[in-house]
PDB file of N, CA and C in Angstrom:
ATOM      1  N   MET A   1     191.623 119.327 130.234  1.00  0.00           N
ATOM      2  CA  MET A   1     190.443 120.076 130.573  1.00  0.00           C
ATOM      3  C   MET A   1     189.218 119.200 130.317  1.00  0.00           C
ATOM      4  N   PRO A   2     188.353 119.028 131.314  1.00  0.00           N
ATOM      5  CA  PRO A   2     187.170 118.177 131.123  1.00  0.00           C
ATOM      6  C   PRO A   2     186.153 118.833 130.181  1.00  0.00           C
ATOM      7  N   ILE A   3     185.429 117.993 129.508  1.00  0.00           N
ATOM      8  CA  ILE A   3     184.372 118.479 128.618  1.00  0.00           C
ATOM      9  C   ILE A   3     183.108 118.664 129.440  1.00  0.00           C
ATOM     10  N   THR A   4     182.544 119.848 129.364  1.00  0.00           N
ATOM     11  CA  THR A   4     181.316 120.154 130.086  1.00  0.00           C
ATOM     12  C   THR A   4     180.159 120.159 129.102  1.00  0.00           C
ATOM     13  N   LYS A   5     179.143 119.413 129.412  1.00  0.00           N
ATOM     14  CA  LYS A   5     177.979 119.398 128.536  1.00  0.00           C
ATOM     15  C   LYS A   5     177.274 120.744 128.631  1.00  0.00           C
ATOM     16  N   PRO A   6     176.895 121.329 127.505  1.00  0.00           N
ATOM     17  CA  PRO A   6     176.350 122.681 127.505  1.00  0.00           C
ATOM     18  C   PRO A   6     174.878 122.787 127.884  1.00  0.00           C
ATOM     19  N   PHE A   7     174.209 121.684 128.067  1.00  0.00           N
ATOM     20  CA  PHE A   7     172.764 121.734 128.273  1.00  0.00           C
ATOM     21  C   PHE A   7     172.366 120.946 129.507  1.00  0.00           C
ATOM     22  N   MET A   8     171.592 121.561 130.371  1.00  0.00           N
ATOM     23  CA  MET A   8     171.043 120.868 131.537  1.00  0.00           C
ATOM     24  C   MET A   8     169.576 121.261 131.645  1.00  0.00           C
ATOM     25  N   THR A   9     168.773 120.312 132.000  1.00  0.00           N
ATOM     26  CA  THR A   9     167.354 120.569 132.214  1.00  0.00           C
ATOM     27  C   THR A   9     166.876 119.655 133.329  1.00  0.00           C
ATOM     28  N   SER A  10     165.661 119.862 133.764  1.00  0.00           N
ATOM     29  CA  SER A  10     165.105 118.970 134.782  1.00  0.00           C
ATOM     30  C   SER A  10     163.685 118.581 134.404  1.00  0.00           C
ATOM     31  N   LEU A  11     163.303 117.420 134.843  1.00  0.00           N
ATOM     32  CA  LEU A  11     161.941 116.923 134.675  1.00  0.00           C
ATOM     33  C   LEU A  11     161.420 116.581 136.060  1.00  0.00           C
ATOM     34  N   ARG A  12     160.211 117.028 136.377  1.00  0.00           N
ATOM     35  CA  ARG A  12     159.623 116.752 137.688  1.00  0.00           C
ATOM     36  C   ARG A  12     158.345 115.937 137.525  1.00  0.00           C
ATOM     37  N   PHE A  13     158.149 115.034 138.469  1.00  0.00           N
ATOM     38  CA  PHE A  13     156.981 114.167 138.490  1.00  0.00           C
ATOM     39  C   PHE A  13     156.385 114.201 139.887  1.00  0.00           C
ATOM     40  N   THR A  14     155.047 114.229 139.983  1.00  0.00           N
ATOM     41  CA  THR A  14     154.386 114.285 141.285  1.00  0.00           C
ATOM     42  C   THR A  14     153.392 113.139 141.438  1.00  0.00           C
ATOM     43  N   SER A  15     153.233 112.708 142.682  1.00  0.00           N
ATOM     44  CA  SER A  15     152.274 111.666 143.038  1.00  0.00           C
ATOM     45  C   SER A  15     152.071 111.714 144.544  1.00  0.00           C
ATOM     46  N   THR A  16     151.437 110.686 145.086  1.00  0.00           N
ATOM     47  CA  THR A  16     151.280 110.553 146.537  1.00  0.00           C
ATOM     48  C   THR A  16     151.699 109.149 146.955  1.00  0.00           C
ATOM     49  N   MET A  17     151.984 108.990 148.226  1.00  0.00           N
ATOM     50  CA  MET A  17     152.377 107.678 148.753  1.00  0.00           C
ATOM     51  C   MET A  17     151.282 106.637 148.542  1.00  0.00           C
ATOM     52  N   GLY A  18     150.042 107.064 148.495  1.00  0.00           N
ATOM     53  CA  GLY A  18     148.934 106.141 148.324  1.00  0.00           C
ATOM     54  C   GLY A  18     148.953 105.401 146.998  1.00  0.00           C
ATOM     55  N   ALA A  19     149.746 105.873 146.039  1.00  0.00           N
ATOM     56  CA  ALA A  19     149.836 105.223 144.731  1.00  0.00           C
ATOM     57  C   ALA A  19     150.777 104.030 144.740  1.00  0.00           C
ATOM     58  N   GLY A  20     151.474 103.812 145.849  1.00  0.00           N
ATOM     59  CA  GLY A  20     152.465 102.740 145.920  1.00  0.00           C
ATOM     60  C   GLY A  20     151.870 101.377 146.201  1.00  0.00           C
ATOM     61  N   THR A  21     152.666 100.361 145.930  1.00  0.00           N
ATOM     62  CA  THR A  21     152.276  98.980 146.204  1.00  0.00           C
ATOM     63  C   THR A  21     153.429  98.275 146.910  1.00  0.00           C
ATOM     64  N   GLY A  22     153.136  97.189 147.565  1.00  0.00           N
ATOM     65  CA  GLY A  22     154.143  96.422 148.283  1.00  0.00           C
ATOM     66  C   GLY A  22     154.287  96.927 149.706  1.00  0.00           C
ATOM     67  N   THR A  23     155.117  96.251 150.465  1.00  0.00           N
ATOM     68  CA  THR A  23     155.368  96.638 151.851  1.00  0.00           C
ATOM     69  C   THR A  23     156.855  96.546 152.147  1.00  0.00           C
ATOM     70  N   GLY A  24     157.275  97.254 153.181  1.00  0.00           N
ATOM     71  CA  GLY A  24     158.667  97.186 153.613  1.00  0.00           C
ATOM     72  C   GLY A  24     159.639  97.557 152.516  1.00  0.00           C
ATOM     73  N   ALA A  25     160.634  96.699 152.308  1.00  0.00           N
ATOM     74  CA  ALA A  25     161.697  96.968 151.336  1.00  0.00           C
ATOM     75  C   ALA A  25     161.210  96.949 149.898  1.00  0.00           C
ATOM     76  N   THR A  26     160.038  96.366 149.638  1.00  0.00           N
ATOM     77  CA  THR A  26     159.546  96.258 148.269  1.00  0.00           C
ATOM     78  C   THR A  26     158.521  97.329 147.916  1.00  0.00           C
ATOM     79  N   PHE A  27     158.304  98.306 148.800  1.00  0.00           N
ATOM     80  CA  PHE A  27     157.335  99.361 148.501  1.00  0.00           C
ATOM     81  C   PHE A  27     157.819 100.173 147.313  1.00  0.00           C
ATOM     82  N   ALA A  28     157.001 100.259 146.266  1.00  0.00           N
ATOM     83  CA  ALA A  28     157.378 100.982 145.048  1.00  0.00           C
ATOM     84  C   ALA A  28     156.172 101.717 144.481  1.00  0.00           C
ATOM     85  N   ILE A  29     156.456 102.765 143.747  1.00  0.00           N
ATOM     86  CA  ILE A  29     155.417 103.532 143.074  1.00  0.00           C
ATOM     87  C   ILE A  29     155.758 103.543 141.593  1.00  0.00           C
ATOM     88  N   ALA A  30     154.843 103.063 140.775  1.00  0.00           N
ATOM     89  CA  ALA A  30     155.061 102.979 139.331  1.00  0.00           C
ATOM     90  C   ALA A  30     155.160 104.369 138.715  1.00  0.00           C
ATOM     91  N   ALA A  31     155.989 104.507 137.708  1.00  0.00           N
ATOM     92  CA  ALA A  31     156.132 105.781 137.000  1.00  0.00           C
ATOM     93  C   ALA A  31     154.799 106.240 136.431  1.00  0.00           C
ATOM     94  N   THR A  32     153.957 105.292 136.037  1.00  0.00           N
ATOM     95  CA  THR A  32     152.660 105.640 135.458  1.00  0.00           C
ATOM     96  C   THR A  32     151.684 106.211 136.489  1.00  0.00           C
ATOM     97  N   SER A  33     152.038 106.168 137.774  1.00  0.00           N
ATOM     98  CA  SER A  33     151.204 106.751 138.828  1.00  0.00           C
ATOM     99  C   SER A  33     151.524 108.224 139.051  1.00  0.00           C
ATOM    100  N   PHE A  34     152.498 108.755 138.327  1.00  0.00           N
ATOM    101  CA  PHE A  34     152.928 110.136 138.466  1.00  0.00           C
ATOM    102  C   PHE A  34     152.373 110.996 137.343  1.00  0.00           C
ATOM    103  N   THR A  35     152.331 112.300 137.586  1.00  0.00           N
ATOM    104  CA  THR A  35     152.033 113.265 136.534  1.00  0.00           C
ATOM    105  C   THR A  35     153.265 114.134 136.332  1.00  0.00           C
ATOM    106  N   ASN A  36     153.416 114.663 135.120  1.00  0.00           N
ATOM    107  CA  ASN A  36     154.564 115.520 134.834  1.00  0.00           C
ATOM    108  C   ASN A  36     154.206 116.987 135.077  1.00  0.00           C
ATOM    109  N   ASP A  37     155.128 117.892 134.772  1.00  0.00           N
ATOM    110  CA  ASP A  37     154.894 119.321 134.998  1.00  0.00           C
ATOM    111  C   ASP A  37     153.704 119.864 134.219  1.00  0.00           C
ATOM    112  N   ALA A  38     153.384 119.246 133.111  1.00  0.00           N
ATOM    113  CA  ALA A  38     152.259 119.690 132.289  1.00  0.00           C
ATOM    114  C   ALA A  38     150.930 119.128 132.800  1.00  0.00           C
ATOM    115  N   GLY A  39     150.978 118.276 133.823  1.00  0.00           N
ATOM    116  CA  GLY A  39     149.768 117.678 134.369  1.00  0.00           C
ATOM    117  C   GLY A  39     149.331 116.423 133.646  1.00  0.00           C
ATOM    118  N   ALA A  40     150.130 115.969 132.688  1.00  0.00           N
ATOM    119  CA  ALA A  40     149.803 114.757 131.938  1.00  0.00           C
ATOM    120  C   ALA A  40     150.362 113.533 132.660  1.00  0.00           C
ATOM    121  N   ALA A  41     149.721 112.404 132.463  1.00  0.00           N
ATOM    122  CA  ALA A  41     150.187 111.156 133.076  1.00  0.00           C
ATOM    123  C   ALA A  41     151.547 110.778 132.516  1.00  0.00           C
ATOM    124  N   ALA A  42     152.444 110.386 133.401  1.00  0.00           N
ATOM    125  CA  ALA A  42     153.783 109.963 132.982  1.00  0.00           C
ATOM    126  C   ALA A  42     153.710 108.556 132.407  1.00  0.00           C
ATOM    127  N   THR A  43     154.566 108.271 131.458  1.00  0.00           N
ATOM    128  CA  THR A  43     154.637 106.917 130.904  1.00  0.00           C
ATOM    129  C   THR A  43     155.869 106.186 131.420  1.00  0.00           C
ATOM    130  N   ALA A  44     156.934 106.926 131.718  1.00  0.00           N
ATOM    131  CA  ALA A  44     158.170 106.344 132.240  1.00  0.00           C
ATOM    132  C   ALA A  44     159.051 107.452 132.791  1.00  0.00           C
ATOM    133  N   PHE A  45     159.986 107.091 133.652  1.00  0.00           N
ATOM    134  CA  PHE A  45     160.997 108.025 134.116  1.00  0.00           C
ATOM    135  C   PHE A  45     162.129 108.046 133.090  1.00  0.00           C
ATOM    136  N   PRO A  46     162.941 109.085 133.082  1.00  0.00           N
ATOM    137  CA  PRO A  46     164.055 109.140 132.129  1.00  0.00           C
ATOM    138  C   PRO A  46     165.018 107.955 132.310  1.00  0.00           C
ATOM    139  N   GLY A  47     165.538 107.459 131.210  1.00  0.00           N
ATOM    140  CA  GLY A  47     166.472 106.350 131.268  1.00  0.00           C
ATOM    141  C   GLY A  47     167.895 106.788 131.545  1.00  0.00           C
ATOM    142  N   SER A  48     168.181 108.046 131.258  1.00  0.00           N
ATOM    143  CA  SER A  48     169.523 108.579 131.465  1.00  0.00           C
ATOM    144  C   SER A  48     169.407 109.944 132.133  1.00  0.00           C
ATOM    145  N   PHE A  49     170.101 110.121 133.249  1.00  0.00           N
ATOM    146  CA  PHE A  49     170.057 111.391 133.973  1.00  0.00           C
ATOM    147  C   PHE A  49     171.328 111.542 134.790  1.00  0.00           C
ATOM    148  N   ALA A  50     171.637 112.793 135.151  1.00  0.00           N
ATOM    149  CA  ALA A  50     172.825 113.057 135.958  1.00  0.00           C
ATOM    150  C   ALA A  50     172.575 112.648 137.407  1.00  0.00           C
ATOM    151  N   PHE A  51     171.435 113.058 137.943  1.00  0.00           N
ATOM    152  CA  PHE A  51     171.031 112.676 139.299  1.00  0.00           C
ATOM    153  C   PHE A  51     169.552 112.965 139.461  1.00  0.00           C
ATOM    154  N   TYR A  52     168.974 112.470 140.545  1.00  0.00           N
ATOM    155  CA  TYR A  52     167.578 112.778 140.838  1.00  0.00           C
ATOM    156  C   TYR A  52     167.444 113.160 142.296  1.00  0.00           C
ATOM    157  N   ASN A  53     166.407 113.947 142.573  1.00  0.00           N
ATOM    158  CA  ASN A  53     166.069 114.349 143.940  1.00  0.00           C
ATOM    159  C   ASN A  53     164.679 113.833 144.263  1.00  0.00           C
ATOM    160  N   LEU A  54     164.507 113.324 145.459  1.00  0.00           N
ATOM    161  CA  LEU A  54     163.203 112.871 145.946  1.00  0.00           C
ATOM    162  C   LEU A  54     162.776 113.780 147.086  1.00  0.00           C
ATOM    163  N   TYR A  55     161.583 114.340 146.959  1.00  0.00           N
ATOM    164  CA  TYR A  55     161.003 115.160 148.013  1.00  0.00           C
ATOM    165  C   TYR A  55     159.770 114.437 148.544  1.00  0.00           C
ATOM    166  N   ILE A  56     159.742 114.184 149.838  1.00  0.00           N
ATOM    167  CA  ILE A  56     158.579 113.597 150.484  1.00  0.00           C
ATOM    168  C   ILE A  56     158.002 114.660 151.394  1.00  0.00           C
ATOM    169  N   ASN A  57     156.749 115.023 151.137  1.00  0.00           N
ATOM    170  CA  ASN A  57     156.073 116.084 151.887  1.00  0.00           C
ATOM    171  C   ASN A  57     156.890 117.382 151.843  1.00  0.00           C
ATOM    172  N   GLY A  58     157.515 117.632 150.687  1.00  0.00           N
ATOM    173  CA  GLY A  58     158.274 118.857 150.480  1.00  0.00           C
ATOM    174  C   GLY A  58     159.670 118.862 151.055  1.00  0.00           C
ATOM    175  N   VAL A  59     160.109 117.763 151.664  1.00  0.00           N
ATOM    176  CA  VAL A  59     161.429 117.696 152.288  1.00  0.00           C
ATOM    177  C   VAL A  59     162.354 116.833 151.427  1.00  0.00           C
ATOM    178  N   LEU A  60     163.501 117.403 151.038  1.00  0.00           N
ATOM    179  CA  LEU A  60     164.487 116.668 150.254  1.00  0.00           C
ATOM    180  C   LEU A  60     165.012 115.496 151.068  1.00  0.00           C
ATOM    181  N   GLN A  61     165.042 114.312 150.438  1.00  0.00           N
ATOM    182  CA  GLN A  61     165.484 113.098 151.116  1.00  0.00           C
ATOM    183  C   GLN A  61     166.934 112.778 150.765  1.00  0.00           C
ATOM    184  N   SER A  62     167.604 112.046 151.625  1.00  0.00           N
ATOM    185  CA  SER A  62     168.983 111.636 151.362  1.00  0.00           C
ATOM    186  C   SER A  62     169.006 110.616 150.226  1.00  0.00           C
ATOM    187  N   GLY A  63     170.174 110.465 149.615  1.00  0.00           N
ATOM    188  CA  GLY A  63     170.311 109.572 148.472  1.00  0.00           C
ATOM    189  C   GLY A  63     170.014 108.119 148.772  1.00  0.00           C
ATOM    190  N   SER A  64     170.164 107.703 150.017  1.00  0.00           N
ATOM    191  CA  SER A  64     169.941 106.306 150.373  1.00  0.00           C
ATOM    192  C   SER A  64     168.467 105.979 150.619  1.00  0.00           C
ATOM    193  N   THR A  65     167.601 106.966 150.476  1.00  0.00           N
ATOM    194  CA  THR A  65     166.175 106.784 150.762  1.00  0.00           C
ATOM    195  C   THR A  65     165.449 106.007 149.681  1.00  0.00           C
ATOM    196  N   SER A  66     165.964 106.018 148.443  1.00  0.00           N
ATOM    197  CA  SER A  66     165.221 105.414 147.341  1.00  0.00           C
ATOM    198  C   SER A  66     166.147 104.931 146.239  1.00  0.00           C
ATOM    199  N   THR A  67     165.557 104.134 145.345  1.00  0.00           N
ATOM    200  CA  THR A  67     166.214 103.744 144.098  1.00  0.00           C
ATOM    201  C   THR A  67     165.192 103.932 142.989  1.00  0.00           C
ATOM    202  N   VAL A  68     165.684 104.209 141.791  1.00  0.00           N
ATOM    203  CA  VAL A  68     164.773 104.495 140.695  1.00  0.00           C
ATOM    204  C   VAL A  68     165.181 103.735 139.437  1.00  0.00           C
ATOM    205  N   THR A  69     164.162 103.306 138.679  1.00  0.00           N
ATOM    206  CA  THR A  69     164.343 102.722 137.353  1.00  0.00           C
ATOM    207  C   THR A  69     163.436 103.507 136.413  1.00  0.00           C
ATOM    208  N   THR A  70     163.399 103.134 135.163  1.00  0.00           N
ATOM    209  CA  THR A  70     162.516 103.838 134.228  1.00  0.00           C
ATOM    210  C   THR A  70     161.045 103.548 134.514  1.00  0.00           C
ATOM    211  N   THR A  71     160.757 102.470 135.240  1.00  0.00           N
ATOM    212  CA  THR A  71     159.369 102.076 135.475  1.00  0.00           C
ATOM    213  C   THR A  71     158.837 102.375 136.868  1.00  0.00           C
ATOM    214  N   ALA A  72     159.726 102.614 137.864  1.00  0.00           N
ATOM    215  CA  ALA A  72     159.242 102.810 139.239  1.00  0.00           C
ATOM    216  C   ALA A  72     160.309 103.431 140.128  1.00  0.00           C
ATOM    217  N   ILE A  73     159.860 103.956 141.244  1.00  0.00           N
ATOM    218  CA  ILE A  73     160.759 104.394 142.309  1.00  0.00           C
ATOM    219  C   ILE A  73     160.447 103.533 143.528  1.00  0.00           C
ATOM    220  N   THR A  74     161.474 102.981 144.133  1.00  0.00           N
ATOM    221  CA  THR A  74     161.327 102.144 145.318  1.00  0.00           C
ATOM    222  C   THR A  74     161.743 102.944 146.536  1.00  0.00           C
ATOM    223  N   ILE A  75     160.850 102.996 147.528  1.00  0.00           N
ATOM    224  CA  ILE A  75     161.098 103.725 148.767  1.00  0.00           C
ATOM    225  C   ILE A  75     160.885 102.740 149.909  1.00  0.00           C
ATOM    226  N   PRO A  76     161.957 102.105 150.400  1.00  0.00           N
ATOM    227  CA  PRO A  76     161.798 101.119 151.469  1.00  0.00           C
ATOM    228  C   PRO A  76     161.038 101.701 152.665  1.00  0.00           C
ATOM    229  N   ASP A  77     160.055 100.955 153.134  1.00  0.00           N
ATOM    230  CA  ASP A  77     159.191 101.326 154.266  1.00  0.00           C
ATOM    231  C   ASP A  77     158.315 102.545 153.990  1.00  0.00           C
ATOM    232  N   GLY A  78     158.155 102.910 152.736  1.00  0.00           N
ATOM    233  CA  GLY A  78     157.270 104.028 152.385  1.00  0.00           C
ATOM    234  C   GLY A  78     155.819 103.731 152.689  1.00  0.00           C
ATOM    235  N   ASP A  79     155.479 102.459 152.846  1.00  0.00           N
ATOM    236  CA  ASP A  79     154.104 102.072 153.127  1.00  0.00           C
ATOM    237  C   ASP A  79     153.635 102.521 154.506  1.00  0.00           C
ATOM    238  N   VAL A  80     154.568 102.913 155.391  1.00  0.00           N
ATOM    239  CA  VAL A  80     154.161 103.373 156.723  1.00  0.00           C
ATOM    240  C   VAL A  80     153.741 104.846 156.708  1.00  0.00           C
ATOM    241  N   GLU A  81     154.008 105.540 155.606  1.00  0.00           N
ATOM    242  CA  GLU A  81     153.614 106.948 155.474  1.00  0.00           C
ATOM    243  C   GLU A  81     152.119 107.052 155.194  1.00  0.00           C
ATOM    244  N   ASN A  82     151.550 108.192 155.489  1.00  0.00           N
ATOM    245  CA  ASN A  82     150.160 108.481 155.163  1.00  0.00           C
ATOM    246  C   ASN A  82     149.993 108.446 153.654  1.00  0.00           C
ATOM    247  N   GLY A  83     148.938 107.842 153.175  1.00  0.00           N
ATOM    248  CA  GLY A  83     148.692 107.713 151.736  1.00  0.00           C
ATOM    249  C   GLY A  83     148.573 109.036 151.005  1.00  0.00           C
ATOM    250  N   GLY A  84     148.204 110.098 151.700  1.00  0.00           N
ATOM    251  CA  GLY A  84     148.066 111.405 151.074  1.00  0.00           C
ATOM    252  C   GLY A  84     149.349 112.215 151.032  1.00  0.00           C
ATOM    253  N   THR A  85     150.431 111.670 151.552  1.00  0.00           N
ATOM    254  CA  THR A  85     151.704 112.396 151.570  1.00  0.00           C
ATOM    255  C   THR A  85     152.196 112.624 150.148  1.00  0.00           C
ATOM    256  N   PRO A  86     152.452 113.890 149.776  1.00  0.00           N
ATOM    257  CA  PRO A  86     152.885 114.181 148.402  1.00  0.00           C
ATOM    258  C   PRO A  86     154.349 113.814 148.155  1.00  0.00           C
ATOM    259  N   LEU A  87     154.620 113.415 146.912  1.00  0.00           N
ATOM    260  CA  LEU A  87     155.970 113.075 146.462  1.00  0.00           C
ATOM    261  C   LEU A  87     156.303 113.900 145.231  1.00  0.00           C
ATOM    262  N   ILE A  88     157.536 114.318 145.143  1.00  0.00           N
ATOM    263  CA  ILE A  88     158.060 114.939 143.920  1.00  0.00           C
ATOM    264  C   ILE A  88     159.376 114.253 143.616  1.00  0.00           C
ATOM    265  N   VAL A  89     159.517 113.795 142.387  1.00  0.00           N
ATOM    266  CA  VAL A  89     160.777 113.240 141.931  1.00  0.00           C
ATOM    267  C   VAL A  89     161.275 114.148 140.813  1.00  0.00           C
ATOM    268  N   GLU A  90     162.478 114.691 141.002  1.00  0.00           N
ATOM    269  CA  GLU A  90     163.064 115.623 140.040  1.00  0.00           C
ATOM    270  C   GLU A  90     164.324 114.996 139.440  1.00  0.00           C
ATOM    271  N   PHE A  91     164.344 114.868 138.126  1.00  0.00           N
ATOM    272  CA  PHE A  91     165.502 114.326 137.414  1.00  0.00           C
ATOM    273  C   PHE A  91     166.249 115.471 136.749  1.00  0.00           C
ATOM    274  N   VAL A  92     167.547 115.544 136.966  1.00  0.00           N
ATOM    275  CA  VAL A  92     168.388 116.530 136.301  1.00  0.00           C
ATOM    276  C   VAL A  92     169.089 115.814 135.162  1.00  0.00           C
ATOM    277  N   ILE A  93     168.868 116.317 133.966  1.00  0.00           N
ATOM    278  CA  ILE A  93     169.340 115.651 132.757  1.00  0.00           C
ATOM    279  C   ILE A  93     170.355 116.539 132.051  1.00  0.00           C
ATOM    280  N   ASN A  94     171.450 115.928 131.639  1.00  0.00           N
ATOM    281  CA  ASN A  94     172.436 116.681 130.852  1.00  0.00           C
ATOM    282  C   ASN A  94     172.771 115.960 129.575  1.00  0.00           C
TER     283      ASN A  94
END
């Protein structure tokens, strides 16, 4: 019988595409450009999580759309989006 962790929570971070730097495959947005649910500036993304969801303009993106580290999220070709396009990154932690 597998062991199921008894606790799950989520952390959400918001920003806009305009906060990103780089072009093409290197387009990334620093974790410090995001705010958390409390409206405070983020210092880093979680280092350990079960999975994350990326929403661009409110639409859930496929898993191949981005990669994430504790310091940034990389969205290849995200620089072609309008700078005001909202982003939400949701981490599910167990």
